[in-house]
Amino acid sequence: MVKNLLGIAGLPALIFLLHACKPKQDCKPPIGHWTDNEGKEMIFQENGKAFWLTQFGSQYDTLAFTYKSDCAAMPAALEMQGFTSGPYTGKTLFAIFEWSSDTSFRMQFDDVERPAIFDSQQASKFEVKKNSF
């Protein structure tokens, strides 16, 4: 079949087939206010600064940090560091993330090494926080 296709259409057809089989990744930094709907929120700003909010009843514990995203990595990578307080002070969190839609993504991180694949037990799912402050 491929031989016949090459005989008829030549190299342009082969290039088209190879491109069609290539995995696609739509990626952008996770700019915005996100929630996992379980008490964890992340706010990523365009300037590389971010906030991690954890809700305890009606109160929030807020950790400021910086981040860098790398959409060329497969899966897309995120590094979070510069935590000003809390258990990650002085550490870098190595994360992977993947967009599910324009309004949701999943992320998984580790403070030792970047995860290679998503583990459904470890990954957090985030969606746009509605009515964010």
Foldseek 3Di string as FASTA:
>chain_A
DVVVVCVVPNDVVVVVVVVVPDDDADDDPPAAWKDLVPQWIKHAHPVQKIWIWGDDPPDTDIWIWGKDWAVVDVQTWMKTADTPDDDQDPFIKIKGKGDPDPFKIKMATDRPDYDPDDDPVGIGIIGHDPPDD
